[in-house]
Amino acid sequence: LPWSPVELRKLIKPTHVWMGAIILVLSIISCISGINEKLF
């Protein structure tokens, strides 16, 4: 959003970066655990 304050972006960015990595890892865990569960 073009009207988003720069200070808000500074505040959110570290959490945004960290959360992005966490979501990718959790996605992989979810999928491989689901494959294993389905096979069982």
All heavy atoms as atom14 arrays in JSON, in Angstrom:
{
  "sequence": "LPWSPVELRKLIKPTHVWMGAIILVLSIISCISGINEKLF",
  "atom14_mask": [
    [1, 1, 1, 1, 1, 1, 1, 1, 0, 0, 0, 0, 0, 0],
    [1, 1, 1, 1, 1, 1, 1, 0, 0, 0, 0, 0, 0, 0],
    [1, 1, 1, 1, 1, 1, 1, 1, 1, 1, 1, 1, 1, 1],
    [1, 1, 1, 1, 1, 1, 0, 0, 0, 0, 0, 0, 0, 0],
    [1, 1, 1, 1, 1, 1, 1, 0, 0, 0, 0, 0, 0, 0],
    [1, 1, 1, 1, 1, 1, 1, 0, 0, 0, 0, 0, 0, 0],
    [1, 1, 1, 1, 1, 1, 1, 1, 1, 0, 0, 0, 0, 0],
    [1, 1, 1, 1, 1, 1, 1, 1, 0, 0, 0, 0, 0, 0],
    [1, 1, 1, 1, 1, 1, 1, 1, 1, 1, 1, 0, 0, 0],
    [1, 1, 1, 1, 1, 1, 1, 1, 1, 0, 0, 0, 0, 0],
    [1, 1, 1, 1, 1, 1, 1, 1, 0, 0, 0, 0, 0, 0],
    [1, 1, 1, 1, 1, 1, 1, 1, 0, 0, 0, 0, 0, 0],
    [1, 1, 1, 1, 1, 1, 1, 1, 1, 0, 0, 0, 0, 0],
    [1, 1, 1, 1, 1, 1, 1, 0, 0, 0, 0, 0, 0, 0],
    [1, 1, 1, 1, 1, 1, 1, 0, 0, 0, 0, 0, 0, 0],
    [1, 1, 1, 1, 1, 1, 1, 1, 1, 1, 0, 0, 0, 0],
    [1, 1, 1, 1, 1, 1, 1, 0, 0, 0, 0, 0, 0, 0],
    [1, 1, 1, 1, 1, 1, 1, 1, 1, 1, 1, 1, 1, 1],
    [1, 1, 1, 1, 1, 1, 1, 1, 0, 0, 0, 0, 0, 0],
    [1, 1, 1, 1, 0, 0, 0, 0, 0, 0, 0, 0, 0, 0],
    [1, 1, 1, 1, 1, 0, 0, 0, 0, 0, 0, 0, 0, 0],
    [1, 1, 1, 1, 1, 1, 1, 1, 0, 0, 0, 0, 0, 0],
    [1, 1, 1, 1, 1, 1, 1, 1, 0, 0, 0, 0, 0, 0],
    [1, 1, 1, 1, 1, 1, 1, 1, 0, 0, 0, 0, 0, 0],
    [1, 1, 1, 1, 1, 1, 1, 0, 0, 0, 0, 0, 0, 0],
    [1, 1, 1, 1, 1, 1, 1, 1, 0, 0, 0, 0, 0, 0],
    [1, 1, 1, 1, 1, 1, 0, 0, 0, 0, 0, 0, 0, 0],
    [1, 1, 1, 1, 1, 1, 1, 1, 0, 0, 0, 0, 0, 0],
    [1, 1, 1, 1, 1, 1, 1, 1, 0, 0, 0, 0, 0, 0],
    [1, 1, 1, 1, 1, 1, 0, 0, 0, 0, 0, 0, 0, 0],
    [1, 1, 1, 1, 1, 1, 0, 0, 0, 0, 0, 0, 0, 0],
    [1, 1, 1, 1, 1, 1, 1, 1, 0, 0, 0, 0, 0, 0],
    [1, 1, 1, 1, 1, 1, 0, 0, 0, 0, 0, 0, 0, 0],
    [1, 1, 1, 1, 0, 0, 0, 0, 0, 0, 0, 0, 0, 0],
    [1, 1, 1, 1, 1, 1, 1, 1, 0, 0, 0, 0, 0, 0],
    [1, 1, 1, 1, 1, 1, 1, 1, 0, 0, 0, 0, 0, 0],
    [1, 1, 1, 1, 1, 1, 1, 1, 1, 0, 0, 0, 0, 0],
    [1, 1, 1, 1, 1, 1, 1, 1, 1, 0, 0, 0, 0, 0],
    [1, 1, 1, 1, 1, 1, 1, 1, 0, 0, 0, 0, 0, 0],
    [1, 1, 1, 1, 1, 1, 1, 1, 1, 1, 1, 0, 0, 0]
  ],
  "atom14_positions": [
    [[0.84, -1.19, 0.0], [0.0, 0.0, 0.0], [0.88, 1.25, 0.0], [1.76, 1.4, 0.86], [-0.92, 0.0, 1.22], [-1.97, -1.13, 1.26], [-2.84, -1.0, 2.49], [-2.84, -1.12, -0.01], [0.0, 0.0, 0.0], [0.0, 0.0, 0.0], [0.0, 0.0, 0.0], [0.0, 0.0, 0.0], [0.0, 0.0, 0.0], [0.0, 0.0, 0.0]],
    [[0.67, 2.15, -0.94], [1.59, 3.31, -1.08], [1.57, 4.25, 0.11], [2.53, 4.98, 0.32], [1.08, 3.99, -2.36], [-0.33, 3.54, -2.52], [-0.38, 2.14, -1.96], [0.0, 0.0, 0.0], [0.0, 0.0, 0.0], [0.0, 0.0, 0.0], [0.0, 0.0, 0.0], [0.0, 0.0, 0.0], [0.0, 0.0, 0.0], [0.0, 0.0, 0.0]],
    [[0.49, 4.27, 0.86], [0.41, 5.18, 2.0], [0.92, 4.56, 3.31], [0.79, 5.15, 4.36], [-1.02, 5.67, 2.19], [-2.04, 4.57, 2.31], [-2.35, 3.85, 3.41], [-2.85, 4.06, 1.25], [-3.3, 2.91, 3.13], [-3.65, 3.02, 1.8], [-3.0, 4.37, -0.11], [-4.56, 2.3, 1.05], [-3.92, 3.65, -0.85], [-4.68, 2.63, -0.27]],
    [[1.48, 3.37, 3.23], [2.02, 2.73, 4.42], [3.25, 3.51, 4.92], [4.19, 3.74, 4.15], [2.42, 1.29, 4.12], [3.02, 0.69, 5.23], [0.0, 0.0, 0.0], [0.0, 0.0, 0.0], [0.0, 0.0, 0.0], [0.0, 0.0, 0.0], [0.0, 0.0, 0.0], [0.0, 0.0, 0.0], [0.0, 0.0, 0.0], [0.0, 0.0, 0.0]],
    [[3.28, 3.93, 6.19], [4.41, 4.73, 6.7], [5.72, 3.95, 6.67], [5.75, 2.75, 6.92], [4.0, 5.05, 8.15], [2.53, 4.79, 8.21], [2.25, 3.72, 7.21], [0.0, 0.0, 0.0], [0.0, 0.0, 0.0], [0.0, 0.0, 0.0], [0.0, 0.0, 0.0], [0.0, 0.0, 0.0], [0.0, 0.0, 0.0], [0.0, 0.0, 0.0]],
    [[6.8, 4.65, 6.37], [8.12, 4.03, 6.34], [8.48, 3.47, 7.71], [9.08, 2.4, 7.82], [9.17, 5.05, 5.87], [10.58, 4.48, 6.05], [8.94, 5.43, 4.42], [0.0, 0.0, 0.0], [0.0, 0.0, 0.0], [0.0, 0.0, 0.0], [0.0, 0.0, 0.0], [0.0, 0.0, 0.0], [0.0, 0.0, 0.0], [0.0, 0.0, 0.0]],
    [[8.11, 4.18, 8.76], [8.42, 3.71, 10.11], [7.72, 2.38, 10.41], [8.26, 1.54, 11.13], [8.01, 4.77, 11.14], [8.87, 6.02, 11.1], [10.35, 5.72, 11.31], [10.66, 4.88, 12.18], [11.18, 6.3, 10.61], [0.0, 0.0, 0.0], [0.0, 0.0, 0.0], [0.0, 0.0, 0.0], [0.0, 0.0, 0.0], [0.0, 0.0, 0.0]],
    [[6.52, 2.21, 9.9], [5.81, 0.94, 10.09], [6.53, -0.19, 9.38], [6.65, -1.29, 9.92], [4.37, 1.07, 9.58], [3.52, -0.2, 9.65], [3.34, -0.63, 11.11], [2.16, 0.01, 8.98], [0.0, 0.0, 0.0], [0.0, 0.0, 0.0], [0.0, 0.0, 0.0], [0.0, 0.0, 0.0], [0.0, 0.0, 0.0], [0.0, 0.0, 0.0]],
    [[7.05, 0.08, 8.19], [7.8, -0.93, 7.45], [9.06, -1.33, 8.21], [9.42, -2.5, 8.27], [8.17, -0.4, 6.06], [6.97, -0.08, 5.2], [7.38, 0.44, 3.84], [6.23, 0.81, 3.04], [6.29, 1.22, 1.78], [7.45, 1.29, 1.17], [5.18, 1.54, 1.12], [0.0, 0.0, 0.0], [0.0, 0.0, 0.0], [0.0, 0.0, 0.0]],
    [[9.74, -0.34, 8.79], [10.93, -0.63, 9.58], [10.59, -1.53, 10.77], [11.34, -2.43, 11.12], [11.54, 0.67, 10.1], [12.27, 1.5, 9.06], [12.87, 2.72, 9.73], [13.63, 3.59, 8.75], [14.21, 4.79, 9.42], [0.0, 0.0, 0.0], [0.0, 0.0, 0.0], [0.0, 0.0, 0.0], [0.0, 0.0, 0.0], [0.0, 0.0, 0.0]],
    [[9.45, -1.24, 11.38], [9.05, -1.98, 12.57], [8.68, -3.43, 12.23], [9.03, -4.36, 12.96], [7.87, -1.28, 13.24], [7.3, -1.93, 14.51], [8.34, -1.91, 15.62], [6.02, -1.22, 14.94], [0.0, 0.0, 0.0], [0.0, 0.0, 0.0], [0.0, 0.0, 0.0], [0.0, 0.0, 0.0], [0.0, 0.0, 0.0], [0.0, 0.0, 0.0]],
    [[7.99, -3.61, 11.12], [7.46, -4.93, 10.76], [8.48, -5.81, 10.07], [8.45, -7.03, 10.2], [6.2, -4.75, 9.86], [5.05, -4.18, 10.69], [5.79, -6.07, 9.22], [3.8, -3.92, 9.88], [0.0, 0.0, 0.0], [0.0, 0.0, 0.0], [0.0, 0.0, 0.0], [0.0, 0.0, 0.0], [0.0, 0.0, 0.0], [0.0, 0.0, 0.0]],
    [[9.43, -5.2, 9.36], [10.33, -5.98, 8.5], [11.05, -7.13, 9.19], [11.06, -8.26, 8.67], [11.34, -5.05, 7.83], [12.26, -5.77, 6.85], [13.2, -4.79, 6.19], [12.43, -3.83, 5.32], [13.34, -2.88, 4.63], [0.0, 0.0, 0.0], [0.0, 0.0, 0.0], [0.0, 0.0, 0.0], [0.0, 0.0, 0.0], [0.0, 0.0, 0.0]],
    [[11.66, -6.94, 10.37], [12.36, -8.09, 10.99], [11.45, -9.27, 11.26], [11.82, -10.43, 11.02], [12.92, -7.49, 12.29], [13.01, -6.03, 12.03], [11.84, -5.7, 11.15], [0.0, 0.0, 0.0], [0.0, 0.0, 0.0], [0.0, 0.0, 0.0], [0.0, 0.0, 0.0], [0.0, 0.0, 0.0], [0.0, 0.0, 0.0], [0.0, 0.0, 0.0]],
    [[10.24, -8.99, 11.76], [9.29, -10.07, 12.01], [8.82, -10.7, 10.71], [8.66, -11.93, 10.61], [8.08, -9.54, 12.79], [8.53, -8.94, 14.01], [7.1, -10.66, 13.11], [0.0, 0.0, 0.0], [0.0, 0.0, 0.0], [0.0, 0.0, 0.0], [0.0, 0.0, 0.0], [0.0, 0.0, 0.0], [0.0, 0.0, 0.0], [0.0, 0.0, 0.0]],
    [[8.62, -9.89, 9.68], [8.2, -10.38, 8.38], [9.24, -11.33, 7.79], [8.9, -12.41, 7.26], [8.0, -9.18, 7.45], [7.45, -9.53, 6.1], [6.14, -9.88, 5.88], [8.05, -9.59, 4.88], [5.95, -10.14, 4.6], [7.09, -9.97, 3.97], [0.0, 0.0, 0.0], [0.0, 0.0, 0.0], [0.0, 0.0, 0.0], [0.0, 0.0, 0.0]],
    [[10.5, -10.96, 7.9], [11.59, -11.79, 7.38], [11.66, -13.11, 8.15], [11.74, -14.2, 7.56], [12.92, -11.03, 7.48], [14.09, -11.96, 7.18], [12.92, -9.83, 6.55], [0.0, 0.0, 0.0], [0.0, 0.0, 0.0], [0.0, 0.0, 0.0], [0.0, 0.0, 0.0], [0.0, 0.0, 0.0], [0.0, 0.0, 0.0], [0.0, 0.0, 0.0]],
    [[11.64, -13.02, 9.47], [11.73, -14.22, 10.31], [10.53, -15.14, 10.08], [10.68, -16.35, 9.94], [11.82, -13.8, 11.77], [11.85, -14.93, 12.73], [12.93, -15.71, 13.05], [10.76, -15.45, 13.5], [12.57, -16.67, 13.98], [11.24, -16.53, 14.27], [9.41, -15.08, 13.63], [10.43, -17.25, 15.13], [8.6, -15.8, 14.49], [9.11, -16.87, 15.23]],
    [[9.34, -14.55, 10.03], [8.14, -15.36, 9.86], [8.11, -16.05, 8.5], [7.62, -17.17, 8.36], [6.89, -14.48, 10.01], [5.59, -15.26, 10.06], [5.49, -16.36, 11.49], [5.33, -15.14, 12.8], [0.0, 0.0, 0.0], [0.0, 0.0, 0.0], [0.0, 0.0, 0.0], [0.0, 0.0, 0.0], [0.0, 0.0, 0.0], [0.0, 0.0, 0.0]],
    [[8.66, -15.4, 7.48], [8.7, -16.02, 6.16], [9.49, -17.32, 6.18], [9.07, -18.33, 5.59], [0.0, 0.0, 0.0], [0.0, 0.0, 0.0], [0.0, 0.0, 0.0], [0.0, 0.0, 0.0], [0.0, 0.0, 0.0], [0.0, 0.0, 0.0], [0.0, 0.0, 0.0], [0.0, 0.0, 0.0], [0.0, 0.0, 0.0], [0.0, 0.0, 0.0]],
    [[10.63, -17.32, 6.85], [11.43, -18.54, 6.94], [10.72, -19.61, 7.75], [10.73, -20.79, 7.39], [12.79, -18.22, 7.57], [0.0, 0.0, 0.0], [0.0, 0.0, 0.0], [0.0, 0.0, 0.0], [0.0, 0.0, 0.0], [0.0, 0.0, 0.0], [0.0, 0.0, 0.0], [0.0, 0.0, 0.0], [0.0, 0.0, 0.0], [0.0, 0.0, 0.0]],
    [[10.07, -19.19, 8.84], [9.35, -20.15, 9.69], [8.22, -20.81, 8.92], [8.01, -22.03, 9.01], [8.79, -19.44, 10.94], [9.94, -18.97, 11.84], [7.85, -20.36, 11.72], [10.82, -20.08, 12.36], [0.0, 0.0, 0.0], [0.0, 0.0, 0.0], [0.0, 0.0, 0.0], [0.0, 0.0, 0.0], [0.0, 0.0, 0.0], [0.0, 0.0, 0.0]],
    [[7.49, -20.04, 8.13], [6.37, -20.6, 7.37], [6.85, -21.63, 6.35], [6.23, -22.68, 6.17], [5.57, -19.47, 6.67], [4.85, -18.62, 7.71], [4.56, -20.05, 5.68], [4.23, -17.35, 7.15], [0.0, 0.0, 0.0], [0.0, 0.0, 0.0], [0.0, 0.0, 0.0], [0.0, 0.0, 0.0], [0.0, 0.0, 0.0], [0.0, 0.0, 0.0]],
    [[7.96, -21.35, 5.69], [8.49, -22.32, 4.72], [8.88, -23.62, 5.41], [8.55, -24.71, 4.92], [9.7, -21.73, 4.0], [10.38, -22.65, 2.98], [9.41, -23.03, 1.88], [11.62, -21.98, 2.4], [0.0, 0.0, 0.0], [0.0, 0.0, 0.0], [0.0, 0.0, 0.0], [0.0, 0.0, 0.0], [0.0, 0.0, 0.0], [0.0, 0.0, 0.0]],
    [[9.56, -23.52, 6.54], [9.95, -24.72, 7.28], [8.72, -25.49, 7.76], [8.64, -26.72, 7.64], [10.87, -24.35, 8.47], [11.13, -25.57, 9.34], [12.18, -23.78, 7.96], [0.0, 0.0, 0.0], [0.0, 0.0, 0.0], [0.0, 0.0, 0.0], [0.0, 0.0, 0.0], [0.0, 0.0, 0.0], [0.0, 0.0, 0.0], [0.0, 0.0, 0.0]],
    [[7.74, -24.78, 8.3], [6.51, -25.43, 8.77], [5.75, -26.08, 7.61], [5.14, -27.14, 7.78], [5.61, -24.42, 9.48], [6.07, -23.96, 10.86], [5.13, -22.87, 11.39], [6.11, -25.13, 11.84], [0.0, 0.0, 0.0], [0.0, 0.0, 0.0], [0.0, 0.0, 0.0], [0.0, 0.0, 0.0], [0.0, 0.0, 0.0], [0.0, 0.0, 0.0]],
    [[5.78, -25.46, 6.44], [5.12, -26.03, 5.27], [5.73, -27.38, 4.91], [5.02, -28.35, 4.59], [5.22, -25.07, 4.08], [4.59, -23.85, 4.34], [0.0, 0.0, 0.0], [0.0, 0.0, 0.0], [0.0, 0.0, 0.0], [0.0, 0.0, 0.0], [0.0, 0.0, 0.0], [0.0, 0.0, 0.0], [0.0, 0.0, 0.0], [0.0, 0.0, 0.0]],
    [[7.05, -27.45, 4.94], [7.74, -28.69, 4.63], [7.42, -29.76, 5.68], [7.13, -30.92, 5.34], [9.26, -28.45, 4.54], [9.56, -27.54, 3.34], [10.01, -29.76, 4.41], [10.98, -27.02, 3.31], [0.0, 0.0, 0.0], [0.0, 0.0, 0.0], [0.0, 0.0, 0.0], [0.0, 0.0, 0.0], [0.0, 0.0, 0.0], [0.0, 0.0, 0.0]],
    [[7.44, -29.37, 6.96], [7.1, -30.31, 8.02], [5.68, -30.82, 7.85], [5.41, -32.02, 7.99], [7.28, -29.65, 9.4], [8.76, -29.35, 9.66], [6.71, -30.53, 10.5], [9.0, -28.54, 10.9], [0.0, 0.0, 0.0], [0.0, 0.0, 0.0], [0.0, 0.0, 0.0], [0.0, 0.0, 0.0], [0.0, 0.0, 0.0], [0.0, 0.0, 0.0]],
    [[4.76, -29.92, 7.54], [3.36, -30.32, 7.36], [3.2, -31.33, 6.24], [2.49, -32.34, 6.37], [2.49, -29.08, 7.07], [2.54, -28.16, 8.12], [0.0, 0.0, 0.0], [0.0, 0.0, 0.0], [0.0, 0.0, 0.0], [0.0, 0.0, 0.0], [0.0, 0.0, 0.0], [0.0, 0.0, 0.0], [0.0, 0.0, 0.0], [0.0, 0.0, 0.0]],
    [[3.88, -31.09, 5.11], [3.71, -31.96, 3.95], [4.34, -33.33, 4.17], [3.73, -34.36, 3.85], [4.3, -31.3, 2.71], [3.29, -29.93, 2.09], [0.0, 0.0, 0.0], [0.0, 0.0, 0.0], [0.0, 0.0, 0.0], [0.0, 0.0, 0.0], [0.0, 0.0, 0.0], [0.0, 0.0, 0.0], [0.0, 0.0, 0.0], [0.0, 0.0, 0.0]],
    [[5.54, -33.38, 4.71], [6.17, -34.7, 4.87], [5.5, -35.49, 5.99], [5.41, -36.72, 5.91], [7.69, -34.57, 5.11], [8.01, -33.78, 6.36], [8.37, -33.96, 3.89], [9.5, -33.7, 6.67], [0.0, 0.0, 0.0], [0.0, 0.0, 0.0], [0.0, 0.0, 0.0], [0.0, 0.0, 0.0], [0.0, 0.0, 0.0], [0.0, 0.0, 0.0]],
    [[4.98, -34.82, 7.02], [4.24, -35.54, 8.06], [2.91, -36.06, 7.5], [2.45, -37.14, 7.86], [4.0, -34.66, 9.28], [3.17, -33.55, 8.97], [0.0, 0.0, 0.0], [0.0, 0.0, 0.0], [0.0, 0.0, 0.0], [0.0, 0.0, 0.0], [0.0, 0.0, 0.0], [0.0, 0.0, 0.0], [0.0, 0.0, 0.0], [0.0, 0.0, 0.0]],
    [[2.3, -35.28, 6.59], [1.05, -35.73, 5.96], [1.26, -36.93, 5.06], [0.44, -37.85, 5.03], [0.0, 0.0, 0.0], [0.0, 0.0, 0.0], [0.0, 0.0, 0.0], [0.0, 0.0, 0.0], [0.0, 0.0, 0.0], [0.0, 0.0, 0.0], [0.0, 0.0, 0.0], [0.0, 0.0, 0.0], [0.0, 0.0, 0.0], [0.0, 0.0, 0.0]],
    [[2.36, -36.92, 4.3], [2.68, -38.08, 3.45], [2.86, -39.32, 4.31], [2.32, -40.4, 4.02], [3.96, -37.8, 2.63], [3.7, -36.7, 1.6], [4.45, -39.07, 1.94], [4.96, -36.17, 0.94], [0.0, 0.0, 0.0], [0.0, 0.0, 0.0], [0.0, 0.0, 0.0], [0.0, 0.0, 0.0], [0.0, 0.0, 0.0], [0.0, 0.0, 0.0]],
    [[3.6, -39.19, 5.39], [3.85, -40.31, 6.28], [2.55, -40.83, 6.91], [2.32, -42.04, 6.97], [4.85, -39.89, 7.35], [5.46, -41.05, 8.09], [5.35, -41.17, 9.29], [6.13, -41.95, 7.36], [0.0, 0.0, 0.0], [0.0, 0.0, 0.0], [0.0, 0.0, 0.0], [0.0, 0.0, 0.0], [0.0, 0.0, 0.0], [0.0, 0.0, 0.0]],
    [[1.72, -39.9, 7.34], [0.44, -40.29, 7.96], [-0.46, -41.01, 6.96], [-1.09, -42.02, 7.29], [-0.25, -39.04, 8.48], [-1.56, -39.3, 9.22], [-2.16, -38.01, 9.76], [-1.66, -37.52, 10.79], [-3.12, -37.51, 9.14], [0.0, 0.0, 0.0], [0.0, 0.0, 0.0], [0.0, 0.0, 0.0], [0.0, 0.0, 0.0], [0.0, 0.0, 0.0]],
    [[-0.51, -40.51, 5.73], [-1.35, -41.14, 4.7], [-0.87, -42.57, 4.41], [-1.69, -43.49, 4.24], [-1.31, -40.3, 3.42], [-2.13, -40.87, 2.27], [-3.61, -40.97, 2.63], [-4.41, -41.46, 1.44], [-5.85, -41.64, 1.78], [0.0, 0.0, 0.0], [0.0, 0.0, 0.0], [0.0, 0.0, 0.0], [0.0, 0.0, 0.0], [0.0, 0.0, 0.0]],
    [[0.42, -42.76, 4.35], [0.95, -44.1, 4.08], [0.64, -45.06, 5.23], [0.28, -46.21, 5.0], [2.46, -44.03, 3.84], [2.89, -43.35, 2.54], [4.4, -43.21, 2.49], [2.38, -44.1, 1.32], [0.0, 0.0, 0.0], [0.0, 0.0, 0.0], [0.0, 0.0, 0.0], [0.0, 0.0, 0.0], [0.0, 0.0, 0.0], [0.0, 0.0, 0.0]],
    [[0.74, -44.59, 6.46], [0.41, -45.44, 7.6], [-1.07, -45.83, 7.57], [-1.42, -46.98, 7.88], [0.73, -44.72, 8.91], [2.15, -44.89, 9.36], [2.97, -43.79, 9.52], [2.68, -46.15, 9.62], [4.29, -43.95, 9.95], [3.99, -46.31, 10.03], [4.79, -45.2, 10.2], [0.0, 0.0, 0.0], [0.0, 0.0, 0.0], [0.0, 0.0, 0.0]]
  ]
}
